[in-house]
Amino acid sequence: MALAEADYKKNKSDVARAVAQLRSLQVSPGNPTTTVAIRAQIAGTVVERDVLIGQEVRDEAVAPLLTISALETVWVQADVREQDISLVHKGVAVHVSVPAYPTESFTGMVDHVGDVLNADSRSIKLRCSVHNSGQRLKPEMFATIDLAESAADKAIFIPTSAILTDSEHTRVFVADNDRVYQQRVVTLGSTVDNNVRVLGGVQVGEQIVTQGALFLQQGSQRD
């Protein structure tokens, strides 16, 4: 009997709480057809709706009814290869291009650099915040990220025509002030527009042979 009385009191309390909530929304418990506007606590755009007009909604439902996104600023995520990690850090400016607007670019800034390297792709995740004027950038678009000049200046790039490769090493010809040419073993990184990044082997300011390196190699072999 005591258990039944406890259940009765709990149910009565739940009903009182529900009635109070309905009254706070200006809904009459006796009139279920009342229309109520429930406003989101954040400003944004409804990008997904999983509820229909007239659909019954229960409080135990786990799926969200609406998804609201603030699209004035969007995140652009990219994969950065292992050899290029030193070029990126939080605060670096970027230019973002998307196929939808091939003649335009959008400016942004790196706001997060991943801490874990993907063992399969040998890359880390990079996230950039980009101002989305006119909300022209849409979620799930494909994008290309280019580092601003201040970041790119930290890397050394040389034309691919300067590279000589054999079964053991990759080399370039370096010229000194007396026009004496010396072969130098180099370590290479990524290739961008027929230019390859040099990770080691040459220094900023050194002169290298970009055309005719193969003829110099053949001449040195004959000597």
Protein backbone atom coordinates (compact mmCIF):
# COMPACT_ATOMS: atom_id res chain seq x y z
CA MET A 1 0.00 0.00 0.00
CA ALA A 2 2.89 2.33 0.85
CA LEU A 3 4.47 1.62 -2.58
CA ALA A 4 1.24 2.47 -4.40
CA GLU A 5 0.94 5.71 -2.46
CA ALA A 6 4.53 6.66 -3.38
CA ASP A 7 3.86 6.00 -7.09
CA TYR A 8 0.71 8.13 -6.89
CA LYS A 9 2.63 11.04 -5.38
CA LYS A 10 5.36 10.78 -8.04
CA ASN A 11 2.84 10.73 -10.89
CA LYS A 12 1.03 13.70 -9.38
CA SER A 13 4.31 15.59 -9.17
CA ASP A 14 5.16 14.77 -12.83
CA VAL A 15 1.74 15.98 -13.96
CA ALA A 16 2.10 19.21 -11.99
CA ARG A 17 5.53 19.80 -13.54
CA ALA A 18 4.17 19.19 -17.07
CA VAL A 19 1.26 21.57 -16.48
CA ALA A 20 3.64 24.24 -15.22
CA GLN A 21 5.83 23.85 -18.32
CA LEU A 22 2.81 24.13 -20.60
CA ARG A 23 1.67 27.29 -18.83
CA SER A 24 5.14 28.80 -19.20
CA LEU A 25 4.72 28.28 -22.95
CA GLN A 26 1.23 29.76 -22.78
CA VAL A 27 -0.30 26.41 -23.76
CA SER A 28 -3.56 25.29 -22.22
CA PRO A 29 -3.43 21.64 -21.03
CA GLY A 30 -7.04 21.26 -22.13
CA ASN A 31 -6.43 22.55 -25.68
CA PRO A 32 -3.77 20.45 -27.45
CA THR A 33 -4.24 22.32 -30.76
CA THR A 34 -2.62 25.49 -29.43
CA THR A 35 0.15 26.81 -31.68
CA VAL A 36 3.33 27.84 -29.91
CA ALA A 37 6.53 29.38 -31.32
CA ILE A 38 9.64 27.83 -29.76
CA ARG A 39 12.63 29.98 -30.60
CA ALA A 40 16.19 28.72 -30.85
CA GLN A 41 18.71 30.15 -28.43
CA ILE A 42 21.21 30.80 -31.24
CA ALA A 43 20.94 32.67 -34.53
CA GLY A 44 21.57 30.76 -37.72
CA THR A 45 20.16 28.87 -40.68
CA VAL A 46 18.11 25.67 -40.52
CA VAL A 47 20.21 23.23 -42.56
CA GLU A 48 18.36 20.04 -41.63
CA ARG A 49 14.80 19.29 -40.49
CA ASP A 50 13.72 15.90 -39.13
CA VAL A 51 10.18 16.78 -38.04
CA LEU A 52 6.96 17.27 -40.02
CA ILE A 53 3.89 19.39 -39.37
CA GLY A 54 1.50 17.45 -37.15
CA GLN A 55 4.12 14.89 -36.15
CA GLU A 56 4.01 13.70 -32.56
CA VAL A 57 7.19 14.47 -30.65
CA ARG A 58 8.12 12.69 -27.45
CA ASP A 59 10.60 13.90 -24.88
CA GLU A 60 12.50 10.60 -24.98
CA ALA A 61 13.35 11.02 -28.67
CA VAL A 62 17.14 11.16 -29.14
CA ALA A 63 17.28 12.53 -32.71
CA PRO A 64 17.33 16.34 -33.04
CA LEU A 65 14.24 17.91 -34.61
CA LEU A 66 16.17 20.69 -36.35
CA THR A 67 19.83 21.41 -37.04
CA ILE A 68 20.79 25.08 -37.01
CA SER A 69 24.16 26.28 -38.24
CA ALA A 70 25.75 29.72 -38.06
CA LEU A 71 27.16 29.98 -41.59
CA GLU A 72 28.65 33.48 -41.43
CA THR A 73 31.93 31.74 -40.61
CA VAL A 74 32.68 28.20 -41.79
CA TRP A 75 35.35 25.65 -41.01
CA VAL A 76 37.47 24.30 -43.85
CA GLN A 77 39.33 21.10 -43.09
CA ALA A 78 42.33 19.77 -44.98
CA ASP A 79 44.99 17.05 -44.84
CA VAL A 80 48.57 18.28 -44.53
CA ARG A 81 51.33 15.91 -45.56
CA GLU A 82 53.99 15.02 -43.05
CA GLN A 83 56.79 16.88 -44.85
CA ASP A 84 54.72 20.10 -44.89
CA ILE A 85 53.77 20.19 -41.20
CA SER A 86 56.49 22.73 -40.40
CA LEU A 87 54.82 25.27 -42.71
CA VAL A 88 51.54 25.44 -40.81
CA HIS A 89 50.66 26.64 -37.33
CA LYS A 90 47.79 28.37 -35.60
CA GLY A 91 47.25 31.90 -36.90
CA VAL A 92 48.70 31.38 -40.40
CA ALA A 93 46.65 33.11 -43.12
CA VAL A 94 45.26 30.95 -45.94
CA HIS A 95 43.44 31.37 -49.24
CA VAL A 96 40.60 28.95 -49.93
CA SER A 97 39.37 28.07 -53.44
CA VAL A 98 36.31 26.01 -54.38
CA PRO A 99 35.21 24.68 -57.81
CA ALA A 100 31.94 26.63 -57.59
CA TYR A 101 33.82 29.96 -57.87
CA PRO A 102 36.96 29.17 -59.91
CA THR A 103 38.06 32.81 -60.29
CA GLU A 104 37.72 33.74 -56.63
CA SER A 105 39.38 32.90 -53.33
CA PHE A 106 38.27 33.32 -49.74
CA THR A 107 40.60 34.45 -46.97
CA GLY A 108 40.83 32.59 -43.70
CA MET A 109 43.12 31.64 -40.86
CA VAL A 110 44.37 28.37 -39.38
CA ASP A 111 42.73 27.89 -35.99
CA HIS A 112 43.70 24.29 -35.25
CA VAL A 113 46.49 21.89 -36.26
CA GLY A 114 45.97 18.22 -35.47
CA ASP A 115 48.15 16.47 -32.91
CA VAL A 116 47.99 12.95 -34.35
CA LEU A 117 49.55 11.76 -37.61
CA ASN A 118 47.52 9.39 -39.76
CA ALA A 119 49.73 6.33 -40.16
CA ASP A 120 48.23 5.38 -43.53
CA SER A 121 48.17 8.73 -45.32
CA ARG A 122 51.14 10.24 -43.39
CA SER A 123 49.18 13.44 -42.87
CA ILE A 124 47.55 15.50 -40.11
CA LYS A 125 44.24 17.34 -40.00
CA LEU A 126 44.17 21.10 -40.42
CA ARG A 127 41.17 23.34 -39.64
CA CYS A 128 40.73 26.88 -40.91
CA SER A 129 38.11 29.51 -40.09
CA VAL A 130 36.88 31.33 -43.20
CA HIS A 131 34.55 34.34 -43.34
CA ASN A 132 31.57 33.31 -45.49
CA SER A 133 30.31 36.54 -47.02
CA GLY A 134 26.87 36.02 -48.53
CA GLN A 135 26.92 32.42 -47.29
CA ARG A 136 28.26 31.28 -50.66
CA LEU A 137 30.43 28.57 -49.13
CA LYS A 138 28.25 25.54 -48.45
CA PRO A 139 28.87 22.64 -46.05
CA GLU A 140 30.47 19.57 -47.71
CA MET A 141 31.99 21.56 -50.60
CA PHE A 142 35.40 20.43 -51.84
CA ALA A 143 38.08 23.08 -51.27
CA THR A 144 41.78 23.75 -51.85
CA ILE A 145 43.83 25.63 -49.26
CA ASP A 146 46.88 27.71 -50.19
CA LEU A 147 49.16 29.19 -47.56
CA ALA A 148 49.70 32.92 -47.63
CA GLU A 149 53.06 34.13 -48.92
CA SER A 150 54.44 34.75 -45.42
CA ALA A 151 54.11 31.04 -44.64
CA ALA A 152 55.17 29.78 -48.05
CA ASP A 153 58.36 31.86 -47.90
CA LYS A 154 59.69 29.51 -45.22
CA ALA A 155 60.05 26.71 -47.80
CA ILE A 156 62.55 26.29 -50.65
CA PHE A 157 61.07 25.30 -54.01
CA ILE A 158 63.04 24.55 -57.18
CA PRO A 159 61.90 23.57 -60.70
CA THR A 160 61.50 19.86 -61.32
CA SER A 161 63.77 20.30 -64.36
CA ALA A 162 66.71 20.78 -61.96
CA ILE A 163 66.28 17.33 -60.41
CA LEU A 164 68.52 14.40 -61.36
CA THR A 165 67.55 10.99 -60.00
CA ASP A 166 69.33 7.64 -60.05
CA SER A 167 68.78 4.38 -58.22
CA GLU A 168 70.38 5.69 -55.02
CA HIS A 169 70.06 9.46 -54.71
CA THR A 170 68.34 12.61 -55.92
CA ARG A 171 70.75 15.39 -56.88
CA VAL A 172 71.00 18.92 -58.22
CA PHE A 173 73.93 20.91 -59.61
CA VAL A 174 74.93 23.86 -57.42
CA ALA A 175 77.09 26.67 -58.87
CA ASP A 176 79.54 28.71 -56.80
CA ASN A 177 80.73 32.24 -57.53
CA ASP A 178 83.45 30.96 -59.88
CA ARG A 179 80.89 29.06 -61.98
CA VAL A 180 82.16 25.75 -60.70
CA TYR A 181 79.34 23.20 -60.65
CA GLN A 182 79.04 20.62 -57.93
CA GLN A 183 76.51 17.82 -57.56
CA ARG A 184 74.57 17.96 -54.30
CA VAL A 185 72.33 15.24 -52.83
CA VAL A 186 68.96 16.70 -51.84
CA THR A 187 65.87 15.55 -49.98
CA LEU A 188 62.59 16.45 -51.64
CA GLY A 189 59.05 17.03 -50.48
CA SER A 190 55.80 17.79 -52.26
CA THR A 191 55.48 19.05 -55.85
CA VAL A 192 53.33 22.09 -56.71
CA ASP A 193 52.95 23.38 -60.29
CA ASN A 194 56.20 21.85 -61.62
CA ASN A 195 58.12 23.05 -58.57
CA VAL A 196 59.31 20.70 -55.85
CA ARG A 197 59.98 21.55 -52.24
CA VAL A 198 63.52 20.92 -51.00
CA LEU A 199 63.68 19.62 -47.44
CA GLY A 200 67.46 19.45 -47.24
CA GLY A 201 70.65 19.71 -49.29
CA VAL A 202 70.57 23.33 -50.47
CA GLN A 203 70.30 26.67 -48.70
CA VAL A 204 68.46 29.89 -49.46
CA GLY A 205 70.50 32.02 -51.87
CA GLU A 206 72.46 29.19 -53.49
CA GLN A 207 72.36 29.02 -57.29
CA ILE A 208 71.31 25.78 -58.94
CA VAL A 209 71.18 24.63 -62.55
CA THR A 210 67.56 24.50 -63.71
CA GLN A 211 68.14 23.80 -67.42
CA GLY A 212 70.70 21.43 -68.91
CA ALA A 213 71.51 19.61 -65.68
CA LEU A 214 71.42 16.29 -67.52
CA PHE A 215 74.15 17.46 -69.95
CA LEU A 216 76.33 18.55 -67.02
CA GLN A 217 75.91 15.12 -65.46
CA GLN A 218 76.86 13.36 -68.67
CA GLY A 219 79.90 15.60 -69.04
CA SER A 220 81.04 14.93 -65.47
CA GLN A 221 80.70 11.19 -66.01
CA ARG A 222 82.90 11.35 -69.11
CA ASP A 223 85.51 13.32 -67.17
